[in-house]
């Protein structure tokens, strides 16, 4: 059995880059929340 930290390190989040409609559709299909990461260089 893996320690919790090792198990979490092996898990990955499926990121969808630059395609909001596809990410939204995928979240709705899987019935999970949508996480949106944004940033600005200023």
PDB file of N, CA and C in Angstrom:
ATOM      1  N   UNK A   1       0.839  -1.182   0.000  1.00  0.00           N
ATOM      2  CA  UNK A   1       0.000   0.000   0.000  1.00  0.00           C
ATOM      3  C   UNK A   1       0.885   1.246   0.000  1.00  0.00           C
ATOM      4  N   UNK A   2       0.562   2.170  -0.869  1.00  0.00           N
ATOM      5  CA  UNK A   2       1.355   3.396  -0.979  1.00  0.00           C
ATOM      6  C   UNK A   2       0.989   4.392   0.120  1.00  0.00           C
ATOM      7  N   UNK A   3       1.977   5.116   0.617  1.00  0.00           N
ATOM      8  CA  UNK A   3       1.642   6.223   1.520  1.00  0.00           C
ATOM      9  C   UNK A   3       0.778   7.246   0.788  1.00  0.00           C
ATOM     10  N   UNK A   4       0.023   8.006   1.541  1.00  0.00           N
ATOM     11  CA  UNK A   4      -0.909   8.963   0.945  1.00  0.00           C
ATOM     12  C   UNK A   4      -0.206   9.940   0.005  1.00  0.00           C
ATOM     13  N   UNK A   5       0.939  10.484   0.396  1.00  0.00           N
ATOM     14  CA  UNK A   5       1.652  11.451  -0.445  1.00  0.00           C
ATOM     15  C   UNK A   5       2.061  10.821  -1.775  1.00  0.00           C
ATOM     16  N   UNK A   6       2.524   9.589  -1.743  1.00  0.00           N
ATOM     17  CA  UNK A   6       2.923   8.910  -2.974  1.00  0.00           C
ATOM     18  C   UNK A   6       1.714   8.637  -3.862  1.00  0.00           C
ATOM     19  N   UNK A   7       0.606   8.250  -3.266  1.00  0.00           N
ATOM     20  CA  UNK A   7      -0.607   7.988  -4.036  1.00  0.00           C
ATOM     21  C   UNK A   7      -1.109   9.268  -4.693  1.00  0.00           C
ATOM     22  N   UNK A   8      -1.065  10.373  -3.966  1.00  0.00           N
ATOM     23  CA  UNK A   8      -1.503  11.646  -4.540  1.00  0.00           C
ATOM     24  C   UNK A   8      -0.570  12.113  -5.646  1.00  0.00           C
ATOM     25  N   UNK A   9       0.711  11.848  -5.506  1.00  0.00           N
ATOM     26  CA  UNK A   9       1.670  12.241  -6.544  1.00  0.00           C
ATOM     27  C   UNK A   9       1.426  11.468  -7.836  1.00  0.00           C
ATOM     28  N   UNK A  10       0.943  10.241  -7.727  1.00  0.00           N
ATOM     29  CA  UNK A  10       0.674   9.439  -8.919  1.00  0.00           C
ATOM     30  C   UNK A  10      -0.610   9.862  -9.622  1.00  0.00           C
ATOM     31  N   UNK A  11      -1.517  10.459  -8.885  1.00  0.00           N
ATOM     32  CA  UNK A  11      -2.773  10.924  -9.473  1.00  0.00           C
ATOM     33  C   UNK A  11      -2.510  12.215 -10.244  1.00  0.00           C
ATOM     34  N   UNK A  12      -3.203  12.389 -11.335  1.00  0.00           N
ATOM     35  CA  UNK A  12      -3.025  13.611 -12.103  1.00  0.00           C
ATOM     36  C   UNK A  12      -4.390  14.193 -12.469  1.00  0.00           C
ATOM     37  N   UNK A  13      -4.409  15.487 -12.625  1.00  0.00           N
ATOM     38  CA  UNK A  13      -5.627  16.172 -13.033  1.00  0.00           C
ATOM     39  C   UNK A  13      -5.627  16.316 -14.547  1.00  0.00           C
ATOM     40  N   UNK A  14      -6.736  15.994 -15.195  1.00  0.00           N
ATOM     41  CA  UNK A  14      -6.791  16.139 -16.652  1.00  0.00           C
ATOM     42  C   UNK A  14      -7.039  17.600 -17.042  1.00  0.00           C
ATOM     43  N   UNK A  15      -5.999  18.300 -17.447  1.00  0.00           N
ATOM     44  CA  UNK A  15      -6.130  19.690 -17.856  1.00  0.00           C
ATOM     45  C   UNK A  15      -6.564  19.788 -19.314  1.00  0.00           C
ATOM     46  N   UNK A  16      -7.421  20.741 -19.610  1.00  0.00           N
ATOM     47  CA  UNK A  16      -7.827  21.056 -20.975  1.00  0.00           C
ATOM     48  C   UNK A  16      -7.330  22.470 -21.237  1.00  0.00           C
ATOM     49  N   UNK A  17      -6.412  22.621 -22.156  1.00  0.00           N
ATOM     50  CA  UNK A  17      -5.790  23.909 -22.415  1.00  0.00           C
ATOM     51  C   UNK A  17      -6.500  24.654 -23.537  1.00  0.00           C
ATOM     52  N   UNK A  18      -6.895  25.880 -23.263  1.00  0.00           N
ATOM     53  CA  UNK A  18      -7.440  26.802 -24.269  1.00  0.00           C
ATOM     54  C   UNK A  18      -8.674  26.295 -25.001  1.00  0.00           C
ATOM     55  N   UNK A  19      -9.531  25.557 -24.324  1.00  0.00           N
ATOM     56  CA  UNK A  19     -10.772  25.085 -24.942  1.00  0.00           C
ATOM     57  C   UNK A  19     -11.866  25.017 -23.875  1.00  0.00           C
ATOM     58  N   UNK A  20     -12.382  26.183 -23.493  1.00  0.00           N
ATOM     59  CA  UNK A  20     -13.379  26.262 -22.428  1.00  0.00           C
ATOM     60  C   UNK A  20     -14.627  25.438 -22.740  1.00  0.00           C
ATOM     61  N   UNK A  21     -15.194  25.519 -23.958  1.00  0.00           N
ATOM     62  CA  UNK A  21     -16.394  24.709 -24.226  1.00  0.00           C
ATOM     63  C   UNK A  21     -16.150  23.208 -24.044  1.00  0.00           C
ATOM     64  N   UNK A  22     -15.001  22.724 -24.449  1.00  0.00           N
ATOM     65  CA  UNK A  22     -14.703  21.298 -24.288  1.00  0.00           C
ATOM     66  C   UNK A  22     -14.527  20.942 -22.820  1.00  0.00           C
ATOM     67  N   UNK A  23     -13.876  21.812 -22.067  1.00  0.00           N
ATOM     68  CA  UNK A  23     -13.691  21.561 -20.637  1.00  0.00           C
ATOM     69  C   UNK A  23     -15.030  21.557 -19.912  1.00  0.00           C
ATOM     70  N   UNK A  24     -15.898  22.485 -20.261  1.00  0.00           N
ATOM     71  CA  UNK A  24     -17.214  22.556 -19.648  1.00  0.00           C
ATOM     72  C   UNK A  24     -18.039  21.307 -19.973  1.00  0.00           C
ATOM     73  N   UNK A  25     -18.000  20.881 -21.219  1.00  0.00           N
ATOM     74  CA  UNK A  25     -18.731  19.677 -21.621  1.00  0.00           C
ATOM     75  C   UNK A  25     -18.205  18.447 -20.888  1.00  0.00           C
ATOM     76  N   UNK A  26     -16.891  18.355 -20.745  1.00  0.00           N
ATOM     77  CA  UNK A  26     -16.295  17.210 -20.046  1.00  0.00           C
ATOM     78  C   UNK A  26     -16.705  17.207 -18.571  1.00  0.00           C
ATOM     79  N   UNK A  27     -16.704  18.373 -17.943  1.00  0.00           N
ATOM     80  CA  UNK A  27     -17.110  18.460 -16.537  1.00  0.00           C
ATOM     81  C   UNK A  27     -18.582  18.094 -16.368  1.00  0.00           C
ATOM     82  N   UNK A  28     -19.407  18.561 -17.261  1.00  0.00           N
ATOM     83  CA  UNK A  28     -20.840  18.234 -17.182  1.00  0.00           C
ATOM     84  C   UNK A  28     -21.072  16.740 -17.374  1.00  0.00           C
ATOM     85  N   UNK A  29     -20.357  16.149 -18.318  1.00  0.00           N
ATOM     86  CA  UNK A  29     -20.502  14.717 -18.581  1.00  0.00           C
ATOM     87  C   UNK A  29     -20.088  13.892 -17.368  1.00  0.00           C
ATOM     88  N   UNK A  30     -18.993  14.295 -16.731  1.00  0.00           N
ATOM     89  CA  UNK A  30     -18.479  13.556 -15.575  1.00  0.00           C
ATOM     90  C   UNK A  30     -19.138  13.984 -14.268  1.00  0.00           C
ATOM     91  N   UNK A  31     -19.977  15.028 -14.338  1.00  0.00           N
ATOM     92  CA  UNK A  31     -20.658  15.572 -13.163  1.00  0.00           C
ATOM     93  C   UNK A  31     -19.665  15.967 -12.071  1.00  0.00           C
ATOM     94  N   UNK A  32     -18.659  16.732 -12.474  1.00  0.00           N
ATOM     95  CA  UNK A  32     -17.649  17.244 -11.541  1.00  0.00           C
ATOM     96  C   UNK A  32     -17.551  18.758 -11.710  1.00  0.00           C
ATOM     97  N   UNK A  33     -17.042  19.449 -10.697  1.00  0.00           N
ATOM     98  CA  UNK A  33     -16.868  20.898 -10.815  1.00  0.00           C
ATOM     99  C   UNK A  33     -15.791  21.233 -11.851  1.00  0.00           C
ATOM    100  N   UNK A  34     -15.899  22.410 -12.390  1.00  0.00           N
ATOM    101  CA  UNK A  34     -14.912  22.892 -13.356  1.00  0.00           C
ATOM    102  C   UNK A  34     -13.989  23.864 -12.640  1.00  0.00           C
ATOM    103  N   UNK A  35     -12.694  23.612 -12.683  1.00  0.00           N
ATOM    104  CA  UNK A  35     -11.692  24.499 -12.094  1.00  0.00           C
ATOM    105  C   UNK A  35     -11.067  25.293 -13.219  1.00  0.00           C
ATOM    106  N   UNK A  36     -11.094  26.610 -13.107  1.00  0.00           N
ATOM    107  CA  UNK A  36     -10.521  27.471 -14.142  1.00  0.00           C
ATOM    108  C   UNK A  36      -9.357  28.227 -13.530  1.00  0.00           C
ATOM    109  N   UNK A  37      -8.183  28.067 -14.104  1.00  0.00           N
ATOM    110  CA  UNK A  37      -7.001  28.781 -13.632  1.00  0.00           C
ATOM    111  C   UNK A  37      -6.709  29.930 -14.587  1.00  0.00           C
ATOM    112  N   UNK A  38      -6.567  31.101 -14.027  1.00  0.00           N
ATOM    113  CA  UNK A  38      -6.234  32.289 -14.829  1.00  0.00           C
ATOM    114  C   UNK A  38      -5.082  33.018 -14.168  1.00  0.00           C
ATOM    115  N   UNK A  39      -4.365  33.793 -14.944  1.00  0.00           N
ATOM    116  CA  UNK A  39      -3.285  34.586 -14.403  1.00  0.00           C
ATOM    117  C   UNK A  39      -3.024  35.774 -15.328  1.00  0.00           C
ATOM    118  N   UNK A  40      -2.296  36.715 -14.828  1.00  0.00           N
ATOM    119  CA  UNK A  40      -1.919  37.895 -15.605  1.00  0.00           C
ATOM    120  C   UNK A  40      -0.474  38.255 -15.251  1.00  0.00           C
ATOM    121  N   UNK A  41       0.270  38.749 -16.211  1.00  0.00           N
ATOM    122  CA  UNK A  41       1.683  39.065 -15.949  1.00  0.00           C
ATOM    123  C   UNK A  41       1.896  40.369 -15.185  1.00  0.00           C
ATOM    124  N   UNK A  42       0.858  41.086 -14.831  1.00  0.00           N
ATOM    125  CA  UNK A  42       1.039  42.363 -14.143  1.00  0.00           C
ATOM    126  C   UNK A  42       0.845  42.259 -12.707  1.00  0.00           C
TER     127      UNK A  42
END
